């Protein structure tokens, strides 16, 4: 997947269980990106647009944990999603 192409829609889905590092659960461009976005909307999953981060996460295979170098950036996305959902992270 060419993560440098910013002209085509890109979507990355993440899963975080609060115990281990977040995982990429889906990634795709074009029609696949549109499907990921549609499913997120249907299920009320918060979304955040961050093209540079999405490009880096596009290098991670679905099912794999995100690299440690991206922990802070992804933590900010997760905090944003928690805030939008009215959730509070577990202590």
PDB file of N, CA and C in Angstrom:
ATOM      1  N   UNK A   1       0.853  -1.173   0.000  1.00  0.00           N
ATOM      2  CA  UNK A   1       0.000   0.000   0.000  1.00  0.00           C
ATOM      3  C   UNK A   1       0.895   1.231   0.000  1.00  0.00           C
ATOM      4  N   UNK A   2       0.693   2.112  -0.961  1.00  0.00           N
ATOM      5  CA  UNK A   2       1.485   3.325  -1.069  1.00  0.00           C
ATOM      6  C   UNK A   2       0.918   4.380  -0.132  1.00  0.00           C
ATOM      7  N   UNK A   3       1.576   4.574   1.012  1.00  0.00           N
ATOM      8  CA  UNK A   3       1.059   5.504   2.007  1.00  0.00           C
ATOM      9  C   UNK A   3       1.378   6.954   1.675  1.00  0.00           C
ATOM     10  N   UNK A   4       2.116   7.214   0.609  1.00  0.00           N
ATOM     11  CA  UNK A   4       2.470   8.586   0.217  1.00  0.00           C
ATOM     12  C   UNK A   4       1.391   9.231  -0.642  1.00  0.00           C
ATOM     13  N   UNK A   5       0.460   8.458  -1.160  1.00  0.00           N
ATOM     14  CA  UNK A   5      -0.572   8.971  -2.059  1.00  0.00           C
ATOM     15  C   UNK A   5      -1.685   9.626  -1.244  1.00  0.00           C
ATOM     16  N   UNK A   6      -1.671  10.950  -1.220  1.00  0.00           N
ATOM     17  CA  UNK A   6      -2.676  11.673  -0.434  1.00  0.00           C
ATOM     18  C   UNK A   6      -3.879  12.090  -1.269  1.00  0.00           C
ATOM     19  N   UNK A   7      -3.901  11.709  -2.546  1.00  0.00           N
ATOM     20  CA  UNK A   7      -5.024  12.100  -3.394  1.00  0.00           C
ATOM     21  C   UNK A   7      -6.170  11.111  -3.331  1.00  0.00           C
ATOM     22  N   UNK A   8      -5.932   9.928  -2.804  1.00  0.00           N
ATOM     23  CA  UNK A   8      -6.962   8.903  -2.716  1.00  0.00           C
ATOM     24  C   UNK A   8      -7.382   8.729  -1.261  1.00  0.00           C
ATOM     25  N   UNK A   9      -8.683   8.539  -1.011  1.00  0.00           N
ATOM     26  CA  UNK A   9      -9.149   8.356   0.375  1.00  0.00           C
ATOM     27  C   UNK A   9      -8.446   7.181   1.059  1.00  0.00           C
ATOM     28  N   UNK A  10      -8.082   7.379   2.316  1.00  0.00           N
ATOM     29  CA  UNK A  10      -7.425   6.359   3.123  1.00  0.00           C
ATOM     30  C   UNK A  10      -8.131   6.297   4.468  1.00  0.00           C
ATOM     31  N   UNK A  11      -8.420   5.096   4.933  1.00  0.00           N
ATOM     32  CA  UNK A  11      -9.026   4.922   6.256  1.00  0.00           C
ATOM     33  C   UNK A  11      -8.323   3.794   6.995  1.00  0.00           C
ATOM     34  N   UNK A  12      -8.145   4.008   8.272  1.00  0.00           N
ATOM     35  CA  UNK A  12      -7.523   3.023   9.153  1.00  0.00           C
ATOM     36  C   UNK A  12      -8.469   2.817  10.332  1.00  0.00           C
ATOM     37  N   UNK A  13      -8.724   1.563  10.690  1.00  0.00           N
ATOM     38  CA  UNK A  13      -9.536   1.257  11.869  1.00  0.00           C
ATOM     39  C   UNK A  13      -8.618   0.704  12.953  1.00  0.00           C
ATOM     40  N   UNK A  14      -8.821   1.182  14.167  1.00  0.00           N
ATOM     41  CA  UNK A  14      -8.013   0.747  15.301  1.00  0.00           C
ATOM     42  C   UNK A  14      -8.895   0.106  16.362  1.00  0.00           C
ATOM     43  N   UNK A  15      -8.314  -0.815  17.096  1.00  0.00           N
ATOM     44  CA  UNK A  15      -8.990  -1.423  18.245  1.00  0.00           C
ATOM     45  C   UNK A  15      -8.076  -1.254  19.446  1.00  0.00           C
ATOM     46  N   UNK A  16      -8.674  -0.837  20.553  1.00  0.00           N
ATOM     47  CA  UNK A  16      -7.913  -0.690  21.785  1.00  0.00           C
ATOM     48  C   UNK A  16      -8.734  -1.271  22.926  1.00  0.00           C
ATOM     49  N   UNK A  17      -8.152  -2.245  23.627  1.00  0.00           N
ATOM     50  CA  UNK A  17      -8.871  -2.911  24.706  1.00  0.00           C
ATOM     51  C   UNK A  17      -8.496  -2.384  26.085  1.00  0.00           C
ATOM     52  N   UNK A  18      -7.589  -1.413  26.140  1.00  0.00           N
ATOM     53  CA  UNK A  18      -7.172  -0.851  27.414  1.00  0.00           C
ATOM     54  C   UNK A  18      -6.107  -1.665  28.117  1.00  0.00           C
ATOM     55  N   UNK A  19      -5.745  -2.787  27.556  1.00  0.00           N
ATOM     56  CA  UNK A  19      -4.764  -3.670  28.186  1.00  0.00           C
ATOM     57  C   UNK A  19      -3.457  -3.721  27.403  1.00  0.00           C
ATOM     58  N   UNK A  20      -3.554  -3.966  26.112  1.00  0.00           N
ATOM     59  CA  UNK A  20      -2.356  -4.062  25.282  1.00  0.00           C
ATOM     60  C   UNK A  20      -2.329  -2.886  24.313  1.00  0.00           C
ATOM     61  N   UNK A  21      -1.313  -2.842  23.486  1.00  0.00           N
ATOM     62  CA  UNK A  21      -1.196  -1.750  22.513  1.00  0.00           C
ATOM     63  C   UNK A  21      -2.353  -1.808  21.517  1.00  0.00           C
ATOM     64  N   UNK A  22      -2.759  -0.663  21.011  1.00  0.00           N
ATOM     65  CA  UNK A  22      -3.810  -0.651  19.990  1.00  0.00           C
ATOM     66  C   UNK A  22      -3.382  -1.462  18.762  1.00  0.00           C
ATOM     67  N   UNK A  23      -4.365  -2.009  18.077  1.00  0.00           N
ATOM     68  CA  UNK A  23      -4.120  -2.801  16.870  1.00  0.00           C
ATOM     69  C   UNK A  23      -4.830  -2.168  15.692  1.00  0.00           C
ATOM     70  N   UNK A  24      -4.222  -2.322  14.528  1.00  0.00           N
ATOM     71  CA  UNK A  24      -4.892  -1.952  13.284  1.00  0.00           C
ATOM     72  C   UNK A  24      -5.824  -3.104  12.949  1.00  0.00           C
ATOM     73  N   UNK A  25      -7.097  -2.814  12.785  1.00  0.00           N
ATOM     74  CA  UNK A  25      -8.058  -3.875  12.466  1.00  0.00           C
ATOM     75  C   UNK A  25      -8.491  -3.847  11.011  1.00  0.00           C
ATOM     76  N   UNK A  26      -8.318  -2.707  10.364  1.00  0.00           N
ATOM     77  CA  UNK A  26      -8.649  -2.601   8.942  1.00  0.00           C
ATOM     78  C   UNK A  26      -7.914  -1.400   8.367  1.00  0.00           C
ATOM     79  N   UNK A  27      -7.609  -1.497   7.094  1.00  0.00           N
ATOM     80  CA  UNK A  27      -6.988  -0.375   6.402  1.00  0.00           C
ATOM     81  C   UNK A  27      -7.354  -0.475   4.934  1.00  0.00           C
ATOM     82  N   UNK A  28      -7.454   0.658   4.285  1.00  0.00           N
ATOM     83  CA  UNK A  28      -7.757   0.599   2.871  1.00  0.00           C
ATOM     84  C   UNK A  28      -7.864   1.957   2.231  1.00  0.00           C
ATOM     85  N   UNK A  29      -7.808   1.942   0.933  1.00  0.00           N
ATOM     86  CA  UNK A  29      -7.955   3.150   0.108  1.00  0.00           C
ATOM     87  C   UNK A  29      -9.193   3.008  -0.761  1.00  0.00           C
ATOM     88  N   UNK A  30      -9.626   4.130  -1.286  1.00  0.00           N
ATOM     89  CA  UNK A  30     -10.719   4.170  -2.252  1.00  0.00           C
ATOM     90  C   UNK A  30     -11.981   3.520  -1.703  1.00  0.00           C
ATOM     91  N   UNK A  31     -12.488   2.490  -2.403  1.00  0.00           N
ATOM     92  CA  UNK A  31     -13.751   1.865  -2.000  1.00  0.00           C
ATOM     93  C   UNK A  31     -13.657   1.211  -0.620  1.00  0.00           C
ATOM     94  N   UNK A  32     -12.505   0.607  -0.325  1.00  0.00           N
ATOM     95  CA  UNK A  32     -12.336  -0.023   0.991  1.00  0.00           C
ATOM     96  C   UNK A  32     -12.366   1.051   2.083  1.00  0.00           C
ATOM     97  N   UNK A  33     -11.731   2.181   1.834  1.00  0.00           N
ATOM     98  CA  UNK A  33     -11.761   3.287   2.789  1.00  0.00           C
ATOM     99  C   UNK A  33     -13.196   3.755   3.013  1.00  0.00           C
ATOM    100  N   UNK A  34     -13.946   3.871   1.943  1.00  0.00           N
ATOM    101  CA  UNK A  34     -15.341   4.293   2.061  1.00  0.00           C
ATOM    102  C   UNK A  34     -16.158   3.278   2.873  1.00  0.00           C
ATOM    103  N   UNK A  35     -15.878   1.991   2.707  1.00  0.00           N
ATOM    104  CA  UNK A  35     -16.577   0.956   3.488  1.00  0.00           C
ATOM    105  C   UNK A  35     -16.231   1.073   4.968  1.00  0.00           C
ATOM    106  N   UNK A  36     -14.958   1.291   5.272  1.00  0.00           N
ATOM    107  CA  UNK A  36     -14.531   1.435   6.666  1.00  0.00           C
ATOM    108  C   UNK A  36     -15.244   2.626   7.297  1.00  0.00           C
ATOM    109  N   UNK A  37     -15.282   3.737   6.583  1.00  0.00           N
ATOM    110  CA  UNK A  37     -15.939   4.953   7.084  1.00  0.00           C
ATOM    111  C   UNK A  37     -17.433   4.723   7.251  1.00  0.00           C
ATOM    112  N   UNK A  38     -18.062   4.068   6.292  1.00  0.00           N
ATOM    113  CA  UNK A  38     -19.504   3.796   6.367  1.00  0.00           C
ATOM    114  C   UNK A  38     -19.820   2.936   7.589  1.00  0.00           C
ATOM    115  N   UNK A  39     -19.039   1.878   7.785  1.00  0.00           N
ATOM    116  CA  UNK A  39     -19.268   0.990   8.931  1.00  0.00           C
ATOM    117  C   UNK A  39     -19.064   1.725  10.252  1.00  0.00           C
ATOM    118  N   UNK A  40     -18.055   2.572  10.317  1.00  0.00           N
ATOM    119  CA  UNK A  40     -17.818   3.344  11.541  1.00  0.00           C
ATOM    120  C   UNK A  40     -19.016   4.242  11.839  1.00  0.00           C
ATOM    121  N   UNK A  41     -19.521   4.897  10.814  1.00  0.00           N
ATOM    122  CA  UNK A  41     -20.691   5.765  11.015  1.00  0.00           C
ATOM    123  C   UNK A  41     -21.902   4.969  11.460  1.00  0.00           C
ATOM    124  N   UNK A  42     -22.138   3.824  10.811  1.00  0.00           N
ATOM    125  CA  UNK A  42     -23.294   2.984  11.156  1.00  0.00           C
ATOM    126  C   UNK A  42     -23.244   2.523  12.607  1.00  0.00           C
ATOM    127  N   UNK A  43     -22.043   2.325  13.135  1.00  0.00           N
ATOM    128  CA  UNK A  43     -21.888   1.805  14.491  1.00  0.00           C
ATOM    129  C   UNK A  43     -21.549   2.891  15.515  1.00  0.00           C
ATOM    130  N   UNK A  44     -21.617   4.144  15.081  1.00  0.00           N
ATOM    131  CA  UNK A  44     -21.379   5.244  16.009  1.00  0.00           C
ATOM    132  C   UNK A  44     -19.957   5.327  16.515  1.00  0.00           C
ATOM    133  N   UNK A  45     -19.019   4.888  15.716  1.00  0.00           N
ATOM    134  CA  UNK A  45     -17.610   4.917  16.115  1.00  0.00           C
ATOM    135  C   UNK A  45     -17.037   6.283  15.756  1.00  0.00           C
ATOM    136  N   UNK A  46     -16.456   6.970  16.733  1.00  0.00           N
ATOM    137  CA  UNK A  46     -15.880   8.286  16.451  1.00  0.00           C
ATOM    138  C   UNK A  46     -14.741   8.179  15.440  1.00  0.00           C
ATOM    139  N   UNK A  47     -14.619   9.203  14.623  1.00  0.00           N
ATOM    140  CA  UNK A  47     -13.558   9.241  13.617  1.00  0.00           C
ATOM    141  C   UNK A  47     -12.809  10.554  13.743  1.00  0.00           C
ATOM    142  N   UNK A  48     -11.545  10.512  13.380  1.00  0.00           N
ATOM    143  CA  UNK A  48     -10.720  11.713  13.365  1.00  0.00           C
ATOM    144  C   UNK A  48      -9.894  11.690  12.089  1.00  0.00           C
ATOM    145  N   UNK A  49      -9.860  12.809  11.388  1.00  0.00           N
ATOM    146  CA  UNK A  49      -9.061  12.891  10.169  1.00  0.00           C
ATOM    147  C   UNK A  49      -7.654  13.351  10.529  1.00  0.00           C
ATOM    148  N   UNK A  50      -6.677  12.515  10.179  1.00  0.00           N
ATOM    149  CA  UNK A  50      -5.276  12.821  10.428  1.00  0.00           C
ATOM    150  C   UNK A  50      -4.477  12.104   9.348  1.00  0.00           C
ATOM    151  N   UNK A  51      -4.330  12.746   8.207  1.00  0.00           N
ATOM    152  CA  UNK A  51      -3.693  12.120   7.041  1.00  0.00           C
ATOM    153  C   UNK A  51      -2.259  11.655   7.318  1.00  0.00           C
ATOM    154  N   UNK A  52      -1.410  12.470   7.974  1.00  0.00           N
ATOM    155  CA  UNK A  52      -0.044  11.989   8.234  1.00  0.00           C
ATOM    156  C   UNK A  52      -0.020  10.714   9.090  1.00  0.00           C
ATOM    157  N   UNK A  53      -0.833  10.682  10.143  1.00  0.00           N
ATOM    158  CA  UNK A  53      -0.873   9.498  11.003  1.00  0.00           C
ATOM    159  C   UNK A  53      -1.452   8.311  10.246  1.00  0.00           C
ATOM    160  N   UNK A  54      -2.509   8.536   9.475  1.00  0.00           N
ATOM    161  CA  UNK A  54      -3.100   7.449   8.691  1.00  0.00           C
ATOM    162  C   UNK A  54      -2.076   6.861   7.729  1.00  0.00           C
ATOM    163  N   UNK A  55      -1.266   7.712   7.124  1.00  0.00           N
ATOM    164  CA  UNK A  55      -0.228   7.223   6.216  1.00  0.00           C
ATOM    165  C   UNK A  55       0.763   6.323   6.920  1.00  0.00           C
ATOM    166  N   UNK A  56       1.136   6.677   8.139  1.00  0.00           N
ATOM    167  CA  UNK A  56       2.060   5.831   8.900  1.00  0.00           C
ATOM    168  C   UNK A  56       1.387   4.524   9.329  1.00  0.00           C
ATOM    169  N   UNK A  57       0.132   4.622   9.766  1.00  0.00           N
ATOM    170  CA  UNK A  57      -0.585   3.420  10.197  1.00  0.00           C
ATOM    171  C   UNK A  57      -0.901   2.497   9.030  1.00  0.00           C
ATOM    172  N   UNK A  58      -0.932   3.020   7.817  1.00  0.00           N
ATOM    173  CA  UNK A  58      -1.197   2.193   6.638  1.00  0.00           C
ATOM    174  C   UNK A  58      -0.084   1.181   6.409  1.00  0.00           C
ATOM    175  N   UNK A  59       1.062   1.398   7.024  1.00  0.00           N
ATOM    176  CA  UNK A  59       2.192   0.452   6.906  1.00  0.00           C
ATOM    177  C   UNK A  59       2.042  -0.746   7.832  1.00  0.00           C
ATOM    178  N   UNK A  60       1.122  -0.652   8.803  1.00  0.00           N
ATOM    179  CA  UNK A  60       0.928  -1.722   9.786  1.00  0.00           C
ATOM    180  C   UNK A  60      -0.076  -2.730   9.225  1.00  0.00           C
ATOM    181  N   UNK A  61       0.276  -3.990   9.288  1.00  0.00           N
ATOM    182  CA  UNK A  61      -0.613  -5.054   8.811  1.00  0.00           C
ATOM    183  C   UNK A  61      -1.828  -5.166   9.731  1.00  0.00           C
ATOM    184  N   UNK A  62      -3.010  -5.363   9.163  1.00  0.00           N
ATOM    185  CA  UNK A  62      -4.190  -5.591   9.998  1.00  0.00           C
ATOM    186  C   UNK A  62      -3.954  -6.756  10.968  1.00  0.00           C
ATOM    187  N   UNK A  63      -4.339  -6.531  12.222  1.00  0.00           N
ATOM    188  CA  UNK A  63      -4.129  -7.523  13.269  1.00  0.00           C
ATOM    189  C   UNK A  63      -2.880  -7.258  14.089  1.00  0.00           C
ATOM    190  N   UNK A  64      -1.953  -6.454  13.545  1.00  0.00           N
ATOM    191  CA  UNK A  64      -0.712  -6.146  14.259  1.00  0.00           C
ATOM    192  C   UNK A  64      -0.905  -4.950  15.190  1.00  0.00           C
ATOM    193  N   UNK A  65      -0.131  -4.956  16.281  1.00  0.00           N
ATOM    194  CA  UNK A  65      -0.107  -3.812  17.183  1.00  0.00           C
ATOM    195  C   UNK A  65       0.596  -2.650  16.491  1.00  0.00           C
ATOM    196  N   UNK A  66       0.207  -1.445  16.876  1.00  0.00           N
ATOM    197  CA  UNK A  66       0.873  -0.280  16.305  1.00  0.00           C
ATOM    198  C   UNK A  66       2.310  -0.215  16.833  1.00  0.00           C
ATOM    199  N   UNK A  67       3.227   0.381  16.076  1.00  0.00           N
ATOM    200  CA  UNK A  67       4.602   0.506  16.560  1.00  0.00           C
ATOM    201  C   UNK A  67       4.686   1.466  17.751  1.00  0.00           C
ATOM    202  N   UNK A  68       5.632   1.196  18.617  1.00  0.00           N
ATOM    203  CA  UNK A  68       5.810   2.018  19.815  1.00  0.00           C
ATOM    204  C   UNK A  68       6.016   3.488  19.465  1.00  0.00           C
ATOM    205  N   UNK A  69       6.642   3.768  18.347  1.00  0.00           N
ATOM    206  CA  UNK A  69       6.897   5.153  17.942  1.00  0.00           C
ATOM    207  C   UNK A  69       5.603   5.938  17.711  1.00  0.00           C
ATOM    208  N   UNK A  70       4.487   5.236  17.504  1.00  0.00           N
ATOM    209  CA  UNK A  70       3.206   5.907  17.243  1.00  0.00           C
ATOM    210  C   UNK A  70       2.285   5.922  18.468  1.00  0.00           C
ATOM    211  N   UNK A  71       2.751   5.418  19.609  1.00  0.00           N
ATOM    212  CA  UNK A  71       1.906   5.346  20.800  1.00  0.00           C
ATOM    213  C   UNK A  71       1.306   6.699  21.170  1.00  0.00           C
ATOM    214  N   UNK A  72       2.116   7.734  21.241  1.00  0.00           N
ATOM    215  CA  UNK A  72       1.612   9.039  21.687  1.00  0.00           C
ATOM    216  C   UNK A  72       0.570   9.575  20.720  1.00  0.00           C
ATOM    217  N   UNK A  73       0.850   9.516  19.431  1.00  0.00           N
ATOM    218  CA  UNK A  73      -0.103  10.031  18.437  1.00  0.00           C
ATOM    219  C   UNK A  73      -1.417   9.257  18.495  1.00  0.00           C
ATOM    220  N   UNK A  74      -1.343   7.944  18.607  1.00  0.00           N
ATOM    221  CA  UNK A  74      -2.555   7.133  18.655  1.00  0.00           C
ATOM    222  C   UNK A  74      -3.274   7.333  19.990  1.00  0.00           C
ATOM    223  N   UNK A  75      -2.533   7.527  21.066  1.00  0.00           N
ATOM    224  CA  UNK A  75      -3.162   7.803  22.363  1.00  0.00           C
ATOM    225  C   UNK A  75      -4.002   9.076  22.293  1.00  0.00           C
ATOM    226  N   UNK A  76      -3.530  10.063  21.559  1.00  0.00           N
ATOM    227  CA  UNK A  76      -4.293  11.296  21.402  1.00  0.00           C
ATOM    228  C   UNK A  76      -5.579  11.050  20.613  1.00  0.00           C
ATOM    229  N   UNK A  77      -5.516  10.195  19.609  1.00  0.00           N
ATOM    230  CA  UNK A  77      -6.714   9.846  18.836  1.00  0.00           C
ATOM    231  C   UNK A  77      -7.703   9.088  19.722  1.00  0.00           C
ATOM    232  N   UNK A  78      -7.198   8.154  20.513  1.00  0.00           N
ATOM    233  CA  UNK A  78      -8.067   7.375  21.400  1.00  0.00           C
ATOM    234  C   UNK A  78      -8.701   8.290  22.456  1.00  0.00           C
ATOM    235  N   UNK A  79      -7.922   9.215  22.990  1.00  0.00           N
ATOM    236  CA  UNK A  79      -8.473  10.163  23.971  1.00  0.00           C
ATOM    237  C   UNK A  79      -9.572  11.008  23.328  1.00  0.00           C
ATOM    238  N   UNK A  80      -9.370  11.426  22.094  1.00  0.00           N
ATOM    239  CA  UNK A  80     -10.376  12.180  21.351  1.00  0.00           C
ATOM    240  C   UNK A  80     -11.649  11.346  21.196  1.00  0.00           C
ATOM    241  N   UNK A  81     -11.495  10.083  20.829  1.00  0.00           N
ATOM    242  CA  UNK A  81     -12.655   9.199  20.645  1.00  0.00           C
ATOM    243  C   UNK A  81     -13.382   8.983  21.972  1.00  0.00           C
ATOM    244  N   UNK A  82     -12.634   8.788  23.041  1.00  0.00           N
ATOM    245  CA  UNK A  82     -13.261   8.626  24.362  1.00  0.00           C
ATOM    246  C   UNK A  82     -14.060   9.870  24.713  1.00  0.00           C
ATOM    247  N   UNK A  83     -13.466  11.025  24.491  1.00  0.00           N
ATOM    248  CA  UNK A  83     -14.136  12.287  24.807  1.00  0.00           C
ATOM    249  C   UNK A  83     -15.444  12.415  24.026  1.00  0.00           C
ATOM    250  N   UNK A  84     -15.402  12.138  22.735  1.00  0.00           N
ATOM    251  CA  UNK A  84     -16.605  12.230  21.908  1.00  0.00           C
ATOM    252  C   UNK A  84     -17.685  11.240  22.340  1.00  0.00           C
ATOM    253  N   UNK A  85     -17.244  10.092  22.850  1.00  0.00           N
ATOM    254  CA  UNK A  85     -18.190   9.050  23.258  1.00  0.00           C
ATOM    255  C   UNK A  85     -18.663   9.233  24.704  1.00  0.00           C
ATOM    256  N   UNK A  86     -18.092  10.193  25.401  1.00  0.00           N
ATOM    257  CA  UNK A  86     -18.467  10.400  26.799  1.00  0.00           C
ATOM    258  C   UNK A  86     -17.914   9.330  27.716  1.00  0.00           C
ATOM    259  N   UNK A  87     -16.890   8.631  27.264  1.00  0.00           N
ATOM    260  CA  UNK A  87     -16.282   7.569  28.067  1.00  0.00           C
ATOM    261  C   UNK A  87     -15.101   8.126  28.856  1.00  0.00           C
ATOM    262  N   UNK A  88     -14.747   7.393  29.899  1.00  0.00           N
ATOM    263  CA  UNK A  88     -13.580   7.711  30.701  1.00  0.00           C
ATOM    264  C   UNK A  88     -12.656   6.506  30.677  1.00  0.00           C
ATOM    265  N   UNK A  89     -11.380   6.708  30.365  1.00  0.00           N
ATOM    266  CA  UNK A  89     -10.463   5.568  30.348  1.00  0.00           C
ATOM    267  C   UNK A  89     -10.369   4.910  31.719  1.00  0.00           C
ATOM    268  N   UNK A  90     -10.143   3.606  31.711  1.00  0.00           N
ATOM    269  CA  UNK A  90      -9.945   2.888  32.962  1.00  0.00           C
ATOM    270  C   UNK A  90      -8.627   3.297  33.580  1.00  0.00           C
ATOM    271  N   UNK A  91      -8.603   3.403  34.896  1.00  0.00           N
ATOM    272  CA  UNK A  91      -7.375   3.788  35.600  1.00  0.00           C
ATOM    273  C   UNK A  91      -6.496   2.596  35.854  1.00  0.00           C
TER     274      UNK A  91
END
